[in-house]
């Protein structure tokens, strides 16, 4: 019997697989950046929070990986393009303007 919490994830190839939670650091980084997407077992979108709740920009002290993921998810920036920018550039382009 499997007594660990697990989650289902889809990678770039579209394959959905189950992984133990919490994810290993390398996989968590891939999830944060958007290379992996958490899904339900059937591959349907996994919703952790209300869909009508807009995602806010990360805090200034958040890691670059979090900013890359944010730019990809919220602003549609291709992951490789977001990775090529510095954290400062990501903050300037996609952070709060206020």
N, C-alpha and C. Protein backbone atom coordinates (compact mmCIF):
# COMPACT_ATOMS: atom_id res chain seq x y z
N UNK A 1 0.84 -1.19 0.00
CA UNK A 1 0.00 0.00 0.00
C UNK A 1 0.88 1.24 0.00
N UNK A 2 0.51 2.21 -0.75
CA UNK A 2 1.28 3.44 -0.91
C UNK A 2 0.76 4.46 0.10
N UNK A 3 1.56 4.77 1.12
CA UNK A 3 1.09 5.68 2.16
C UNK A 3 1.63 7.10 2.02
N UNK A 4 2.34 7.38 0.94
CA UNK A 4 2.86 8.73 0.71
C UNK A 4 1.87 9.52 -0.14
N UNK A 5 1.87 10.84 0.05
CA UNK A 5 1.05 11.70 -0.80
C UNK A 5 1.71 11.77 -2.18
N UNK A 6 0.91 11.69 -3.21
CA UNK A 6 1.43 11.75 -4.57
C UNK A 6 0.68 12.79 -5.38
N UNK A 7 1.25 13.13 -6.51
CA UNK A 7 0.62 14.05 -7.45
C UNK A 7 0.89 13.56 -8.86
N UNK A 8 0.09 14.02 -9.80
CA UNK A 8 0.23 13.66 -11.21
C UNK A 8 0.77 14.87 -11.95
N UNK A 9 1.71 14.63 -12.86
CA UNK A 9 2.39 15.72 -13.55
C UNK A 9 2.56 15.39 -15.03
N UNK A 10 2.46 16.44 -15.89
CA UNK A 10 2.67 16.29 -17.33
C UNK A 10 3.94 17.05 -17.69
N UNK A 11 4.79 16.39 -18.46
CA UNK A 11 6.02 17.00 -18.92
C UNK A 11 5.90 17.48 -20.35
N UNK A 12 7.00 17.93 -20.91
CA UNK A 12 7.01 18.49 -22.26
C UNK A 12 6.53 17.50 -23.31
N UNK A 13 6.76 16.21 -23.12
CA UNK A 13 6.33 15.21 -24.09
C UNK A 13 4.86 14.86 -24.00
N UNK A 14 4.16 15.43 -23.02
CA UNK A 14 2.73 15.18 -22.87
C UNK A 14 2.39 13.96 -22.04
N UNK A 15 3.39 13.22 -21.60
CA UNK A 15 3.13 12.03 -20.78
C UNK A 15 2.79 12.47 -19.36
N UNK A 16 1.78 11.81 -18.78
CA UNK A 16 1.36 12.09 -17.41
C UNK A 16 1.88 10.97 -16.52
N UNK A 17 2.56 11.34 -15.44
CA UNK A 17 3.05 10.33 -14.52
C UNK A 17 2.87 10.79 -13.09
N UNK A 18 2.89 9.79 -12.18
CA UNK A 18 2.69 10.03 -10.76
C UNK A 18 4.04 10.16 -10.07
N UNK A 19 4.15 11.15 -9.15
CA UNK A 19 5.38 11.33 -8.39
C UNK A 19 5.03 11.57 -6.94
N UNK A 20 5.92 11.12 -6.05
CA UNK A 20 5.75 11.35 -4.63
C UNK A 20 5.91 12.83 -4.31
N UNK A 21 5.13 13.30 -3.35
CA UNK A 21 5.23 14.67 -2.87
C UNK A 21 5.85 14.64 -1.48
N UNK A 22 6.62 15.63 -1.09
CA UNK A 22 7.02 16.75 -1.93
C UNK A 22 7.98 16.29 -3.03
N UNK A 23 7.97 17.03 -4.11
CA UNK A 23 8.84 16.70 -5.24
C UNK A 23 10.30 16.90 -4.85
N UNK A 24 11.20 16.11 -5.44
CA UNK A 24 12.63 16.38 -5.25
C UNK A 24 12.95 17.79 -5.77
N UNK A 25 13.99 18.39 -5.27
CA UNK A 25 14.32 19.78 -5.60
C UNK A 25 14.41 20.02 -7.10
N UNK A 26 15.02 19.11 -7.84
CA UNK A 26 15.17 19.29 -9.29
C UNK A 26 13.80 19.32 -9.97
N UNK A 27 12.91 18.42 -9.57
CA UNK A 27 11.58 18.36 -10.18
C UNK A 27 10.74 19.57 -9.74
N UNK A 28 10.89 19.98 -8.49
CA UNK A 28 10.15 21.16 -8.01
C UNK A 28 10.57 22.40 -8.80
N UNK A 29 11.85 22.50 -9.12
CA UNK A 29 12.35 23.61 -9.93
C UNK A 29 11.74 23.56 -11.33
N UNK A 30 11.62 22.36 -11.91
CA UNK A 30 11.00 22.20 -13.23
C UNK A 30 9.52 22.61 -13.18
N UNK A 31 8.84 22.26 -12.10
CA UNK A 31 7.44 22.64 -11.93
C UNK A 31 7.31 24.15 -11.79
N UNK A 32 8.17 24.75 -10.99
CA UNK A 32 8.14 26.20 -10.77
C UNK A 32 8.33 26.96 -12.07
N UNK A 33 9.25 26.49 -12.90
CA UNK A 33 9.54 27.17 -14.16
C UNK A 33 8.50 26.91 -15.24
N UNK A 34 7.73 25.84 -15.10
CA UNK A 34 6.70 25.54 -16.09
C UNK A 34 7.04 24.39 -17.03
N UNK A 35 8.18 23.75 -16.83
CA UNK A 35 8.52 22.59 -17.66
C UNK A 35 7.61 21.40 -17.33
N UNK A 36 7.14 21.34 -16.08
CA UNK A 36 6.17 20.34 -15.63
C UNK A 36 4.88 21.07 -15.26
N UNK A 37 3.76 20.40 -15.42
CA UNK A 37 2.47 20.96 -15.03
C UNK A 37 1.76 19.93 -14.18
N UNK A 38 1.24 20.36 -13.03
CA UNK A 38 0.47 19.43 -12.21
C UNK A 38 -0.90 19.26 -12.84
N UNK A 39 -1.35 18.01 -12.93
CA UNK A 39 -2.63 17.66 -13.53
C UNK A 39 -3.32 16.63 -12.64
N UNK A 40 -4.58 16.36 -12.93
CA UNK A 40 -5.29 15.26 -12.29
C UNK A 40 -4.84 13.97 -12.96
N UNK A 41 -5.17 12.83 -12.35
CA UNK A 41 -4.73 11.54 -12.88
C UNK A 41 -5.15 11.34 -14.34
N UNK A 42 -6.31 11.88 -14.72
CA UNK A 42 -6.79 11.72 -16.10
C UNK A 42 -6.18 12.73 -17.06
N UNK A 43 -5.29 13.59 -16.56
CA UNK A 43 -4.63 14.59 -17.39
C UNK A 43 -5.34 15.92 -17.45
N UNK A 44 -6.50 16.02 -16.82
CA UNK A 44 -7.24 17.29 -16.80
C UNK A 44 -6.52 18.28 -15.89
N UNK A 45 -6.75 19.59 -16.08
CA UNK A 45 -6.06 20.60 -15.28
C UNK A 45 -6.32 20.42 -13.79
N UNK A 46 -5.28 20.61 -13.01
CA UNK A 46 -5.34 20.55 -11.55
C UNK A 46 -5.50 21.97 -11.05
N UNK A 47 -6.49 22.22 -10.20
CA UNK A 47 -6.74 23.57 -9.69
C UNK A 47 -6.47 23.61 -8.19
N UNK A 48 -5.45 24.35 -7.80
CA UNK A 48 -5.14 24.51 -6.38
C UNK A 48 -5.90 25.66 -5.76
N UNK A 49 -6.19 26.70 -6.56
CA UNK A 49 -6.89 27.85 -6.03
C UNK A 49 -7.99 28.26 -7.00
N UNK A 50 -8.79 29.17 -6.57
CA UNK A 50 -9.92 29.63 -7.37
C UNK A 50 -9.45 30.16 -8.72
N UNK A 51 -10.12 29.73 -9.79
CA UNK A 51 -9.75 30.16 -11.14
C UNK A 51 -10.02 31.64 -11.37
N UNK A 52 -10.95 32.23 -10.61
CA UNK A 52 -11.26 33.64 -10.80
C UNK A 52 -10.36 34.55 -9.97
N UNK A 53 -9.41 33.98 -9.27
CA UNK A 53 -8.48 34.73 -8.45
C UNK A 53 -7.23 35.02 -9.28
N UNK A 54 -6.99 36.28 -9.71
CA UNK A 54 -5.83 36.57 -10.55
C UNK A 54 -4.52 36.32 -9.79
N UNK A 55 -3.53 35.80 -10.50
CA UNK A 55 -2.23 35.53 -9.88
C UNK A 55 -1.45 36.84 -9.80
N UNK A 56 -0.94 37.11 -8.62
CA UNK A 56 -0.15 38.31 -8.38
C UNK A 56 1.31 38.05 -8.71
N UNK A 57 2.07 39.10 -9.07
CA UNK A 57 3.50 38.91 -9.32
C UNK A 57 4.19 38.40 -8.05
N UNK A 58 5.25 37.62 -8.21
CA UNK A 58 6.00 37.13 -7.05
C UNK A 58 6.63 38.29 -6.27
N UNK A 59 7.01 38.00 -5.05
CA UNK A 59 7.71 38.98 -4.22
C UNK A 59 9.09 39.26 -4.83
N UNK A 60 9.62 40.42 -4.54
CA UNK A 60 10.93 40.81 -5.07
C UNK A 60 12.03 39.84 -4.63
N UNK A 61 11.87 39.23 -3.47
CA UNK A 61 12.90 38.31 -3.00
C UNK A 61 12.66 36.86 -3.43
N UNK A 62 11.66 36.63 -4.29
CA UNK A 62 11.41 35.28 -4.82
C UNK A 62 12.54 34.89 -5.76
N UNK A 63 12.75 33.59 -5.90
CA UNK A 63 13.84 33.12 -6.76
C UNK A 63 13.55 33.42 -8.24
N UNK A 64 14.60 33.37 -9.04
CA UNK A 64 14.42 33.58 -10.47
C UNK A 64 13.49 32.52 -11.06
N UNK A 65 13.59 31.28 -10.57
CA UNK A 65 12.74 30.20 -11.07
C UNK A 65 11.26 30.55 -10.89
N UNK A 66 10.91 31.15 -9.79
CA UNK A 66 9.52 31.55 -9.54
C UNK A 66 9.11 32.64 -10.53
N UNK A 67 10.00 33.58 -10.79
CA UNK A 67 9.71 34.64 -11.77
C UNK A 67 9.58 34.08 -13.19
N UNK A 68 10.41 33.10 -13.53
CA UNK A 68 10.32 32.45 -14.85
C UNK A 68 8.95 31.78 -14.98
N UNK A 69 8.57 31.01 -13.97
CA UNK A 69 7.27 30.34 -14.00
C UNK A 69 6.11 31.32 -14.10
N UNK A 70 6.20 32.41 -13.37
CA UNK A 70 5.15 33.43 -13.41
C UNK A 70 5.04 34.05 -14.81
N UNK A 71 6.17 34.42 -15.39
CA UNK A 71 6.16 35.02 -16.73
C UNK A 71 5.57 34.05 -17.75
N UNK A 72 5.88 32.77 -17.59
CA UNK A 72 5.37 31.75 -18.51
C UNK A 72 3.87 31.53 -18.32
N UNK A 73 3.43 31.29 -17.09
CA UNK A 73 2.02 30.98 -16.81
C UNK A 73 1.09 32.15 -17.06
N UNK A 74 1.46 33.30 -16.55
CA UNK A 74 0.55 34.45 -16.56
C UNK A 74 0.68 35.29 -17.82
N UNK A 75 1.87 35.44 -18.33
CA UNK A 75 2.10 36.33 -19.47
C UNK A 75 2.39 35.59 -20.77
N UNK A 76 2.43 34.26 -20.72
CA UNK A 76 2.61 33.47 -21.94
C UNK A 76 3.99 33.52 -22.55
N UNK A 77 4.99 33.93 -21.78
CA UNK A 77 6.36 34.01 -22.28
C UNK A 77 6.89 32.58 -22.44
N UNK A 78 7.45 32.22 -23.59
CA UNK A 78 8.05 30.90 -23.71
C UNK A 78 9.12 30.70 -22.62
N UNK A 79 9.17 29.50 -22.06
CA UNK A 79 10.07 29.25 -20.93
C UNK A 79 11.51 29.59 -21.27
N UNK A 80 11.99 29.19 -22.45
CA UNK A 80 13.38 29.46 -22.81
C UNK A 80 13.65 30.96 -22.88
N UNK A 81 12.68 31.72 -23.37
CA UNK A 81 12.84 33.18 -23.43
C UNK A 81 12.90 33.78 -22.03
N UNK A 82 12.03 33.30 -21.14
CA UNK A 82 12.03 33.80 -19.76
C UNK A 82 13.33 33.43 -19.06
N UNK A 83 13.83 32.21 -19.30
CA UNK A 83 15.09 31.77 -18.70
C UNK A 83 16.26 32.64 -19.16
N UNK A 84 16.19 33.15 -20.39
CA UNK A 84 17.27 33.96 -20.94
C UNK A 84 17.35 35.34 -20.30
N UNK A 85 16.27 35.79 -19.69
CA UNK A 85 16.25 37.09 -19.03
C UNK A 85 16.84 36.98 -17.63
N UNK A 86 17.32 38.10 -17.11
CA UNK A 86 17.77 38.12 -15.72
C UNK A 86 16.55 38.26 -14.83
N UNK A 87 16.72 37.96 -13.56
CA UNK A 87 15.62 38.14 -12.61
C UNK A 87 15.18 39.61 -12.60
N UNK A 88 16.14 40.51 -12.66
CA UNK A 88 15.82 41.94 -12.66
C UNK A 88 14.97 42.29 -13.89
N UNK A 89 15.34 41.75 -15.06
CA UNK A 89 14.55 42.00 -16.27
C UNK A 89 13.13 41.47 -16.11
N UNK A 90 12.99 40.27 -15.56
CA UNK A 90 11.66 39.68 -15.35
C UNK A 90 10.82 40.56 -14.42
N UNK A 91 11.46 41.06 -13.37
CA UNK A 91 10.75 41.92 -12.42
C UNK A 91 10.32 43.23 -13.09
N UNK A 92 11.21 43.79 -13.90
CA UNK A 92 10.89 45.04 -14.60
C UNK A 92 9.76 44.86 -15.61
N UNK A 93 9.81 43.75 -16.35
CA UNK A 93 8.81 43.52 -17.39
C UNK A 93 7.46 43.03 -16.85
N UNK A 94 7.48 42.20 -15.82
CA UNK A 94 6.25 41.53 -15.40
C UNK A 94 5.84 41.76 -13.95
N UNK A 95 6.60 42.60 -13.23
CA UNK A 95 6.26 42.90 -11.84
C UNK A 95 5.19 43.97 -11.76
N UNK A 96 4.77 44.25 -10.54
CA UNK A 96 3.74 45.30 -10.35
C UNK A 96 4.30 46.65 -10.76
N UNK A 97 3.45 47.42 -11.33
CA UNK A 97 3.83 48.78 -11.74
C UNK A 97 3.19 49.76 -10.75
N UNK A 98 3.69 49.77 -9.57
CA UNK A 98 3.02 50.65 -8.66
C UNK A 98 3.87 51.07 -7.58
